[in-house]
Amino acid sequence: MNHKLYLKTLSIALIGLLSGCAIGPDYQKPNTIQTADFKEGEGWKLATPKIGIMPEKWWSLYEDNELNQLQERLLGANQNLAQYEAKYRQALALVKGARAAYFPTITADVNAKKSQQGKGNSVTKTYDIGPSASWEIDVWGKIRRQVESANADAQASFADLAAAKLSLQSELAQTYFQLRIMDIQQKLLDDTVLAYQKSLSLTENQYNAGLVVKSDMTQAKTQLKSTQAQAIDIKYQRAQLEHAIAILIGEAPANFSIKPTYIVPELPGIPSILPSQLLERRPDIAGAEQQVISANAQIGVAKAAWFPDLTLSAGAGYSSNSFSHWVESPNRYWSLGPQFAMTLFDGGLISSRYTQAEAVYDEKVANYRQTVLNGFKEVEDYLIQLSTLQQEAVVQQEAVDSAKESLRLITNQYEAGLIDYLNVASTQTSALTTERTQITLLGNQLTTSVKLIAAIGGGWTTAELDKD
């Protein structure tokens, strides 16, 4: 058989071998617990948001320009996010490396050596030059499974990046709203301090005129100083929140500040979803599934180790004992042929690796199912929390109205000389507490709405995986 016929026969055989299926199980999506609807979602269904679906930039629902600008800065400068982006690039490089195994490896060799066999024999000179190639034929689909696994790992890394992005965006929005609530609290306390200063001045004048006892004056002063201390503490809390925002957007706290404002966004309508849609919206769930896909492919890789590897090697070049006649036709050579290699005994190593691969798969399936359950729980938790806060806000508004009316009546009685200042101070404290509680409830509603949006995946969907 001449070498051309040999090459043709070998090529036909290789095509037949490569047409086979990849060894190991093909991926099937694991079953998960499903429900028709969310238990705590009744009020959610009745909500009528301005839009029917969640926008990719979900924070735009709050219609706050300052928040919009901060979110853009976060995407470009947050260093935790930069770490996840770098990890994703690493995963993509590993995919490229895995795919390289589909192709032959070609090298070029140049050798010049001297050798001697036996003492007294002449020294032999040998000169070799020429390329060589080796190609592992993917007979059993091992390389295909390795590529499948690497690609799934890259998709999981991309999902991790998306999850980190969503988490940081959520953290930024929550911190921003907490800061704005501190602004409202600060204004309330500053206004209250001014009112208490006027009350103290009036009480001092009344005391000097002999109209009230000294305890009324000291009580008014105590009330003022206590409220001033609260106002100072609010400044400290706001500064901490401002520092946290600076870090989130990649700034040093010393170089960053946000001007106070006394307007907070209204609570937006949040587009509702079904539990079945949650699997397509949360990046952590998508990432967990990609880990299952990768582990499933690794079972095929482990199983392929029981079968022989087929490597096709080829070489050509010139070999001569004379440098001057090195590269001449008579000194030309070539070689081509397959090589089968198979492990006959390894003390159970391959078997243990296969068992390990199956166990890793089971672990990833369990992790995927638990991630789905955790997702359901988070949505249910934030739905009931948001609903409860909305009910509390209605009742708290009634409490604020009642406290203001009570303060008006008590103040009138004090000015008429019917009661002492202790009653006024007690009522003032109660009124201030109810107003501060109302503001805190507003902040809790805003931050919980952000948590709910993050729990349903923000504006992300699994379609994002196909883009990369």
Foldseek 3Di string as FASTA:
>chain_A
DDVVVVVVVVVVVLVVLQVDDADFDADDFDDFDFDFFFPLCPVLVVFDFPDQAFALPNVCLLVDPVLVVLLVLLVVAAVVLVVLVVVLVVLVVVLVVLVCLQDKDKDWDWDWDWDDDDPPDDIFIKTWTWMKIKHWRCRNCLSVLSSQLSLLLSLLSVLVSLLVSLVLSLVLQLLVLVLLLLLQLLVLLVVVLVVLVVVLVVVVVCVVVVNAPVVLNVLSVVLNVVSVVVSVVSVVVSLVSLCVSCNSSNHHSVVDDDDHDNDGGDQGRHNDDGLVQLCFFRSNLSSLSSQLSSLSSVLSNLVCLQAKIKMKMKMKTFMDRDPVCTHDDVRIDMDIDMDIDHDPDDPCPSVVSSVVSVVSSVVSSVVSNVVSVVLSVQLNVLSVVLVVLVVVLVVLVVQLVVLVVVLVVVVVCVVVVNDGNVVNSVSSVSNSVSVSVNSVSSSVNSSSSSSNCVSSNRNGGNVVSVVD
